[in-house]
Amino acid sequence: MKNTTFLLGILLFVFLSSFKTTDRACEYVGSNIEFIGSQTKKALSETDFNKTKFEIYKAINAIEKTKSKLKDCGCSYASKNLMEALDNLINATKISRIEGAKIFLNKALENSDTSLELLQQHHTHQSIYQHDRLSLNSKSPEASKLLDDRKLRQTIDTSLKAFETSIHNIVTTVDCEAAKKYLLRVYSNCETELLNEKLSEGKKYYNLRTKAITAEALKKLNCS
């Protein structure tokens, strides 16, 4: 009996560890960094300096909204590079000529790309949360919350199966350009929603998964 209880405890620990708050925070940070990178690219593509600055300020605002999640994620390497991107973006707004601003924008883009790469390698880094292990007591508030979160994610994953099927049908049956326009609109909407700090955990995960499904569909499009 004791051996069975011990085994169940170990299994519970492994089960719950895969859904830690830090992992969720890192997922949302990754989505935001992708948005920051895309806004920086838009700023680089503009020829009107006022439009360039508009895109820069959207990227800066996104970084500001990401700061709290960076703390929750605990990846100091990604955080350092993203803060360097912020400095370069701010410097780009202080330059009087678009040519000079683009020098800082290229640096900011490099910073954000590096930040995303480091975030994806976060599991290999020493996390500030390594000491924060959950109790094996399944009745603890922390364990109960993680179990509830997992059930919520499973419910959302199930609800998105119909959406995934619809997206597949769009990719395979709708005119390529029209499909691409629709998918980009969905993708952009998810990015915007994920920047909303007041979004519930359920809605955050819903938008994160919807964005991932849409991104995969966009890869399958081959518009000539």
C-alpha atoms as a PDB file:
ATOM      1  CA  MET A   1       0.000   0.000   0.000  1.00  0.00           C
ATOM      2  CA  LYS A   2       2.810   2.371   0.918  1.00  0.00           C
ATOM      3  CA  ASN A   3       4.596   1.605  -2.343  1.00  0.00           C
ATOM      4  CA  THR A   4       1.411   2.318  -4.304  1.00  0.00           C
ATOM      5  CA  THR A   5       0.906   5.640  -2.503  1.00  0.00           C
ATOM      6  CA  PHE A   6       4.529   6.595  -3.142  1.00  0.00           C
ATOM      7  CA  LEU A   7       4.236   5.714  -6.839  1.00  0.00           C
ATOM      8  CA  LEU A   8       1.030   7.741  -7.168  1.00  0.00           C
ATOM      9  CA  GLY A   9       2.776  10.642  -5.495  1.00  0.00           C
ATOM     10  CA  ILE A  10       5.666  10.507  -7.966  1.00  0.00           C
ATOM     11  CA  LEU A  11       3.264  10.297 -10.917  1.00  0.00           C
ATOM     12  CA  LEU A  12       1.287  13.249  -9.571  1.00  0.00           C
ATOM     13  CA  PHE A  13       4.479  15.291  -9.241  1.00  0.00           C
ATOM     14  CA  VAL A  14       5.500  14.578 -12.850  1.00  0.00           C
ATOM     15  CA  PHE A  15       1.971  15.288 -14.028  1.00  0.00           C
ATOM     16  CA  LEU A  16       1.712  18.622 -12.240  1.00  0.00           C
ATOM     17  CA  SER A  17       5.233  19.777 -13.027  1.00  0.00           C
ATOM     18  CA  SER A  18       4.456  19.849 -16.735  1.00  0.00           C
ATOM     19  CA  PHE A  19       1.866  22.555 -16.132  1.00  0.00           C
ATOM     20  CA  LYS A  20       3.764  24.985 -13.914  1.00  0.00           C
ATOM     21  CA  THR A  21       2.853  28.654 -13.949  1.00  0.00           C
ATOM     22  CA  THR A  22       6.329  29.493 -15.229  1.00  0.00           C
ATOM     23  CA  ASP A  23       5.789  27.366 -18.348  1.00  0.00           C
ATOM     24  CA  ARG A  24       2.525  29.159 -19.105  1.00  0.00           C
ATOM     25  CA  ALA A  25       4.129  32.557 -18.625  1.00  0.00           C
ATOM     26  CA  CYS A  26       6.966  31.630 -20.983  1.00  0.00           C
ATOM     27  CA  GLU A  27       4.468  30.600 -23.664  1.00  0.00           C
ATOM     28  CA  TYR A  28       2.756  33.980 -23.491  1.00  0.00           C
ATOM     29  CA  VAL A  29       6.088  35.805 -23.481  1.00  0.00           C
ATOM     30  CA  GLY A  30       7.109  33.919 -26.614  1.00  0.00           C
ATOM     31  CA  SER A  31       3.917  34.984 -28.395  1.00  0.00           C
ATOM     32  CA  ASN A  32       4.480  38.611 -27.395  1.00  0.00           C
ATOM     33  CA  ILE A  33       8.088  38.569 -28.580  1.00  0.00           C
ATOM     34  CA  GLU A  34       6.927  37.289 -31.962  1.00  0.00           C
ATOM     35  CA  PHE A  35       4.538  40.250 -32.132  1.00  0.00           C
ATOM     36  CA  ILE A  36       7.311  42.665 -31.120  1.00  0.00           C
ATOM     37  CA  GLY A  37       9.541  41.287 -33.866  1.00  0.00           C
ATOM     38  CA  SER A  38       6.792  41.600 -36.483  1.00  0.00           C
ATOM     39  CA  GLN A  39       6.104  45.217 -35.468  1.00  0.00           C
ATOM     40  CA  THR A  40       9.820  46.018 -35.709  1.00  0.00           C
ATOM     41  CA  LYS A  41       9.888  44.535 -39.207  1.00  0.00           C
ATOM     42  CA  LYS A  42       6.883  46.673 -40.156  1.00  0.00           C
ATOM     43  CA  ALA A  43       8.712  49.747 -38.866  1.00  0.00           C
ATOM     44  CA  LEU A  44      11.737  48.827 -40.996  1.00  0.00           C
ATOM     45  CA  SER A  45       9.579  48.436 -44.111  1.00  0.00           C
ATOM     46  CA  GLU A  46       7.983  51.893 -43.832  1.00  0.00           C
ATOM     47  CA  THR A  47       9.290  54.841 -45.871  1.00  0.00           C
ATOM     48  CA  ASP A  48       7.240  57.461 -44.020  1.00  0.00           C
ATOM     49  CA  PHE A  49       8.994  58.295 -40.746  1.00  0.00           C
ATOM     50  CA  ASN A  50       5.720  59.069 -38.942  1.00  0.00           C
ATOM     51  CA  LYS A  51       4.418  55.604 -39.852  1.00  0.00           C
ATOM     52  CA  THR A  52       7.757  54.121 -38.786  1.00  0.00           C
ATOM     53  CA  LYS A  53       7.422  55.742 -35.366  1.00  0.00           C
ATOM     54  CA  PHE A  54       3.825  54.517 -35.071  1.00  0.00           C
ATOM     55  CA  GLU A  55       4.979  50.907 -35.519  1.00  0.00           C
ATOM     56  CA  ILE A  56       7.897  51.458 -33.123  1.00  0.00           C
ATOM     57  CA  TYR A  57       5.577  52.710 -30.380  1.00  0.00           C
ATOM     58  CA  LYS A  58       3.373  49.619 -30.820  1.00  0.00           C
ATOM     59  CA  ALA A  59       6.461  47.432 -30.308  1.00  0.00           C
ATOM     60  CA  ILE A  60       7.526  49.463 -27.256  1.00  0.00           C
ATOM     61  CA  ASN A  61       4.039  49.171 -25.770  1.00  0.00           C
ATOM     62  CA  ALA A  62       4.113  45.400 -26.308  1.00  0.00           C
ATOM     63  CA  ILE A  63       7.414  45.105 -24.420  1.00  0.00           C
ATOM     64  CA  GLU A  64       6.025  47.130 -21.520  1.00  0.00           C
ATOM     65  CA  LYS A  65       3.042  44.758 -21.330  1.00  0.00           C
ATOM     66  CA  THR A  66       5.397  41.755 -21.408  1.00  0.00           C
ATOM     67  CA  LYS A  67       7.542  42.773 -18.431  1.00  0.00           C
ATOM     68  CA  SER A  68       5.369  41.179 -15.747  1.00  0.00           C
ATOM     69  CA  LYS A  69       5.181  37.886 -17.670  1.00  0.00           C
ATOM     70  CA  LEU A  70       8.965  37.953 -18.091  1.00  0.00           C
ATOM     71  CA  LYS A  71       9.277  37.947 -14.309  1.00  0.00           C
ATOM     72  CA  ASP A  72       6.853  35.032 -14.017  1.00  0.00           C
ATOM     73  CA  CYS A  73       8.735  33.136 -16.735  1.00  0.00           C
ATOM     74  CA  GLY A  74      12.089  33.675 -15.022  1.00  0.00           C
ATOM     75  CA  CYS A  75      14.276  33.570 -18.157  1.00  0.00           C
ATOM     76  CA  SER A  76      16.834  36.276 -17.386  1.00  0.00           C
ATOM     77  CA  TYR A  77      18.636  35.693 -20.706  1.00  0.00           C
ATOM     78  CA  ALA A  78      15.514  36.429 -22.762  1.00  0.00           C
ATOM     79  CA  SER A  79      14.655  39.351 -20.487  1.00  0.00           C
ATOM     80  CA  LYS A  80      18.079  40.970 -20.900  1.00  0.00           C
ATOM     81  CA  ASN A  81      17.893  40.853 -24.700  1.00  0.00           C
ATOM     82  CA  LEU A  82      14.324  42.124 -24.773  1.00  0.00           C
ATOM     83  CA  MET A  83      15.286  45.094 -22.584  1.00  0.00           C
ATOM     84  CA  GLU A  84      18.128  45.827 -25.011  1.00  0.00           C
ATOM     85  CA  ALA A  85      15.547  45.748 -27.814  1.00  0.00           C
ATOM     86  CA  LEU A  86      13.489  48.257 -25.832  1.00  0.00           C
ATOM     87  CA  ASP A  87      16.476  50.596 -25.489  1.00  0.00           C
ATOM     88  CA  ASN A  88      17.147  50.410 -29.231  1.00  0.00           C
ATOM     89  CA  LEU A  89      13.496  51.041 -30.069  1.00  0.00           C
ATOM     90  CA  ILE A  90      13.420  54.092 -27.808  1.00  0.00           C
ATOM     91  CA  ASN A  91      16.649  55.367 -29.378  1.00  0.00           C
ATOM     92  CA  ALA A  92      15.094  54.929 -32.829  1.00  0.00           C
ATOM     93  CA  THR A  93      12.320  57.367 -31.878  1.00  0.00           C
ATOM     94  CA  LYS A  94      14.869  60.018 -30.898  1.00  0.00           C
ATOM     95  CA  ILE A  95      16.580  60.103 -34.289  1.00  0.00           C
ATOM     96  CA  SER A  96      15.517  62.843 -36.716  1.00  0.00           C
ATOM     97  CA  ARG A  97      16.124  60.838 -39.913  1.00  0.00           C
ATOM     98  CA  ILE A  98      14.609  57.499 -40.883  1.00  0.00           C
ATOM     99  CA  GLU A  99      17.966  56.153 -42.086  1.00  0.00           C
ATOM    100  CA  GLY A 100      19.478  56.599 -38.624  1.00  0.00           C
ATOM    101  CA  ALA A 101      16.392  55.151 -36.938  1.00  0.00           C
ATOM    102  CA  LYS A 102      16.666  51.984 -39.016  1.00  0.00           C
ATOM    103  CA  ILE A 103      20.149  51.340 -37.617  1.00  0.00           C
ATOM    104  CA  PHE A 104      18.602  51.062 -34.147  1.00  0.00           C
ATOM    105  CA  LEU A 105      15.630  49.127 -35.509  1.00  0.00           C
ATOM    106  CA  ASN A 106      17.907  46.477 -37.000  1.00  0.00           C
ATOM    107  CA  LYS A 107      19.629  46.159 -33.631  1.00  0.00           C
ATOM    108  CA  ALA A 108      16.241  45.888 -31.905  1.00  0.00           C
ATOM    109  CA  LEU A 109      15.151  43.161 -34.324  1.00  0.00           C
ATOM    110  CA  GLU A 110      18.344  41.229 -33.642  1.00  0.00           C
ATOM    111  CA  ASN A 111      17.716  41.605 -29.906  1.00  0.00           C
ATOM    112  CA  SER A 112      14.136  40.329 -30.145  1.00  0.00           C
ATOM    113  CA  ASP A 113      15.157  37.372 -32.345  1.00  0.00           C
ATOM    114  CA  THR A 114      17.873  36.435 -29.846  1.00  0.00           C
ATOM    115  CA  SER A 115      15.426  36.843 -26.969  1.00  0.00           C
ATOM    116  CA  LEU A 116      12.995  34.424 -28.611  1.00  0.00           C
ATOM    117  CA  GLU A 117      15.746  31.879 -29.287  1.00  0.00           C
ATOM    118  CA  LEU A 118      16.912  32.040 -25.668  1.00  0.00           C
ATOM    119  CA  LEU A 119      13.367  31.701 -24.424  1.00  0.00           C
ATOM    120  CA  GLN A 120      12.942  28.530 -26.462  1.00  0.00           C
ATOM    121  CA  GLN A 121      16.067  27.166 -24.756  1.00  0.00           C
ATOM    122  CA  HIS A 122      14.855  28.211 -21.301  1.00  0.00           C
ATOM    123  CA  HIS A 123      14.492  24.621 -20.074  1.00  0.00           C
ATOM    124  CA  THR A 124      18.292  24.256 -20.368  1.00  0.00           C
ATOM    125  CA  HIS A 125      18.977  27.315 -18.235  1.00  0.00           C
ATOM    126  CA  GLN A 126      19.078  27.550 -14.485  1.00  0.00           C
ATOM    127  CA  SER A 127      15.625  28.767 -13.547  1.00  0.00           C
ATOM    128  CA  ILE A 128      15.015  31.037 -10.570  1.00  0.00           C
ATOM    129  CA  TYR A 129      12.096  28.728  -9.794  1.00  0.00           C
ATOM    130  CA  GLN A 130      14.107  25.521  -9.536  1.00  0.00           C
ATOM    131  CA  HIS A 131      13.755  25.520  -5.772  1.00  0.00           C
ATOM    132  CA  ASP A 132       9.988  26.011  -5.973  1.00  0.00           C
ATOM    133  CA  ARG A 133       8.799  22.398  -6.091  1.00  0.00           C
ATOM    134  CA  LEU A 134       5.204  21.493  -5.438  1.00  0.00           C
ATOM    135  CA  SER A 135       4.257  19.367  -2.499  1.00  0.00           C
ATOM    136  CA  LEU A 136       3.240  15.810  -3.380  1.00  0.00           C
ATOM    137  CA  ASN A 137       0.087  16.391  -1.373  1.00  0.00           C
ATOM    138  CA  SER A 138      -2.648  16.366  -4.037  1.00  0.00           C
ATOM    139  CA  LYS A 139      -4.944  18.286  -1.682  1.00  0.00           C
ATOM    140  CA  SER A 140      -2.685  21.356  -1.576  1.00  0.00           C
ATOM    141  CA  PRO A 141      -4.145  24.574  -3.104  1.00  0.00           C
ATOM    142  CA  GLU A 142      -1.274  24.717  -5.629  1.00  0.00           C
ATOM    143  CA  ALA A 143      -1.894  21.163  -6.822  1.00  0.00           C
ATOM    144  CA  SER A 144      -5.653  21.706  -7.056  1.00  0.00           C
ATOM    145  CA  LYS A 145      -5.154  24.860  -9.124  1.00  0.00           C
ATOM    146  CA  LEU A 146      -2.836  23.062 -11.541  1.00  0.00           C
ATOM    147  CA  LEU A 147      -5.332  20.228 -11.922  1.00  0.00           C
ATOM    148  CA  ASP A 148      -8.078  22.771 -12.673  1.00  0.00           C
ATOM    149  CA  ASP A 149      -5.816  24.492 -15.209  1.00  0.00           C
ATOM    150  CA  ARG A 150      -5.151  21.201 -16.956  1.00  0.00           C
ATOM    151  CA  LYS A 151      -8.877  20.442 -17.178  1.00  0.00           C
ATOM    152  CA  LEU A 152      -9.456  23.923 -18.595  1.00  0.00           C
ATOM    153  CA  ARG A 153      -6.784  23.395 -21.240  1.00  0.00           C
ATOM    154  CA  GLN A 154      -8.222  20.015 -22.189  1.00  0.00           C
ATOM    155  CA  THR A 155     -11.678  21.596 -22.585  1.00  0.00           C
ATOM    156  CA  ILE A 156     -10.261  24.368 -24.795  1.00  0.00           C
ATOM    157  CA  ASP A 157      -8.245  21.879 -26.873  1.00  0.00           C
ATOM    158  CA  THR A 158     -11.429  19.868 -27.462  1.00  0.00           C
ATOM    159  CA  SER A 159     -13.409  22.977 -28.428  1.00  0.00           C
ATOM    160  CA  LEU A 160     -10.731  23.971 -30.941  1.00  0.00           C
ATOM    161  CA  LYS A 161     -10.894  20.691 -32.874  1.00  0.00           C
ATOM    162  CA  ALA A 162     -13.818  22.025 -34.927  1.00  0.00           C
ATOM    163  CA  PHE A 163     -11.874  25.236 -35.599  1.00  0.00           C
ATOM    164  CA  GLU A 164      -8.847  23.206 -36.698  1.00  0.00           C
ATOM    165  CA  THR A 165     -11.025  21.222 -39.120  1.00  0.00           C
ATOM    166  CA  SER A 166     -12.496  24.445 -40.523  1.00  0.00           C
ATOM    167  CA  ILE A 167      -9.031  25.908 -41.010  1.00  0.00           C
ATOM    168  CA  HIS A 168      -7.953  22.751 -42.852  1.00  0.00           C
ATOM    169  CA  ASN A 169     -10.972  23.067 -45.160  1.00  0.00           C
ATOM    170  CA  ILE A 170     -10.159  26.718 -45.841  1.00  0.00           C
ATOM    171  CA  VAL A 171      -6.559  25.871 -46.743  1.00  0.00           C
ATOM    172  CA  THR A 172      -7.565  23.056 -49.080  1.00  0.00           C
ATOM    173  CA  THR A 173     -10.686  24.513 -50.732  1.00  0.00           C
ATOM    174  CA  VAL A 174     -10.598  28.326 -50.629  1.00  0.00           C
ATOM    175  CA  ASP A 175      -8.672  30.547 -53.050  1.00  0.00           C
ATOM    176  CA  CYS A 176      -5.112  30.801 -51.712  1.00  0.00           C
ATOM    177  CA  GLU A 177      -4.942  34.589 -51.441  1.00  0.00           C
ATOM    178  CA  ALA A 178      -8.348  34.778 -49.778  1.00  0.00           C
ATOM    179  CA  ALA A 179      -7.381  32.016 -47.354  1.00  0.00           C
ATOM    180  CA  LYS A 180      -4.109  33.763 -46.547  1.00  0.00           C
ATOM    181  CA  LYS A 181      -5.880  37.066 -45.896  1.00  0.00           C
ATOM    182  CA  TYR A 182      -8.324  35.368 -43.532  1.00  0.00           C
ATOM    183  CA  LEU A 183      -5.629  33.423 -41.659  1.00  0.00           C
ATOM    184  CA  LEU A 184      -3.448  36.505 -41.240  1.00  0.00           C
ATOM    185  CA  ARG A 185      -6.435  38.373 -39.804  1.00  0.00           C
ATOM    186  CA  VAL A 186      -7.055  35.571 -37.279  1.00  0.00           C
ATOM    187  CA  TYR A 187      -3.340  35.408 -36.417  1.00  0.00           C
ATOM    188  CA  SER A 188      -3.092  39.174 -35.943  1.00  0.00           C
ATOM    189  CA  ASN A 189      -6.207  39.215 -33.756  1.00  0.00           C
ATOM    190  CA  CYS A 190      -4.718  36.515 -31.505  1.00  0.00           C
ATOM    191  CA  GLU A 191      -1.470  38.479 -31.155  1.00  0.00           C
ATOM    192  CA  THR A 192      -3.409  41.585 -30.142  1.00  0.00           C
ATOM    193  CA  GLU A 193      -5.570  39.687 -27.659  1.00  0.00           C
ATOM    194  CA  LEU A 194      -2.529  38.101 -26.003  1.00  0.00           C
ATOM    195  CA  LEU A 195      -1.181  41.571 -25.189  1.00  0.00           C
ATOM    196  CA  ASN A 196      -4.252  42.238 -23.060  1.00  0.00           C
ATOM    197  CA  GLU A 197      -3.061  41.982 -19.452  1.00  0.00           C
ATOM    198  CA  LYS A 198      -6.639  41.602 -18.168  1.00  0.00           C
ATOM    199  CA  LEU A 199      -7.305  38.492 -20.249  1.00  0.00           C
ATOM    200  CA  SER A 200      -8.268  35.422 -18.210  1.00  0.00           C
ATOM    201  CA  GLU A 201      -5.986  32.374 -18.270  1.00  0.00           C
ATOM    202  CA  GLY A 202      -8.579  30.486 -20.305  1.00  0.00           C
ATOM    203  CA  LYS A 203      -8.806  33.187 -22.971  1.00  0.00           C
ATOM    204  CA  LYS A 204      -5.021  33.502 -23.052  1.00  0.00           C
ATOM    205  CA  TYR A 205      -4.634  29.797 -23.715  1.00  0.00           C
ATOM    206  CA  TYR A 206      -7.466  29.861 -26.271  1.00  0.00           C
ATOM    207  CA  ASN A 207      -5.740  32.636 -28.230  1.00  0.00           C
ATOM    208  CA  LEU A 208      -2.338  30.997 -27.875  1.00  0.00           C
ATOM    209  CA  ARG A 209      -3.620  27.705 -29.320  1.00  0.00           C
ATOM    210  CA  THR A 210      -5.650  29.462 -32.034  1.00  0.00           C
ATOM    211  CA  LYS A 211      -2.545  31.387 -33.047  1.00  0.00           C
ATOM    212  CA  ALA A 212      -0.485  28.179 -33.199  1.00  0.00           C
ATOM    213  CA  ILE A 213      -3.122  26.377 -35.317  1.00  0.00           C
ATOM    214  CA  THR A 214      -3.328  29.348 -37.685  1.00  0.00           C
ATOM    215  CA  ALA A 215       0.460  29.573 -37.959  1.00  0.00           C
ATOM    216  CA  GLU A 216       0.637  25.920 -39.016  1.00  0.00           C
ATOM    217  CA  ALA A 217      -2.073  26.509 -41.610  1.00  0.00           C
ATOM    218  CA  LEU A 218      -0.205  29.507 -43.028  1.00  0.00           C
ATOM    219  CA  LYS A 219       2.872  27.312 -43.509  1.00  0.00           C
ATOM    220  CA  LYS A 220       0.834  24.945 -45.671  1.00  0.00           C
ATOM    221  CA  LEU A 221      -0.334  27.683 -48.027  1.00  0.00           C
ATOM    222  CA  ASN A 222       1.589  27.979 -51.263  1.00  0.00           C
ATOM    223  CA  CYS A 223       0.248  31.055 -53.051  1.00  0.00           C
ATOM    224  CA  SER A 224       2.055  31.620 -56.350  1.00  0.00           C
END
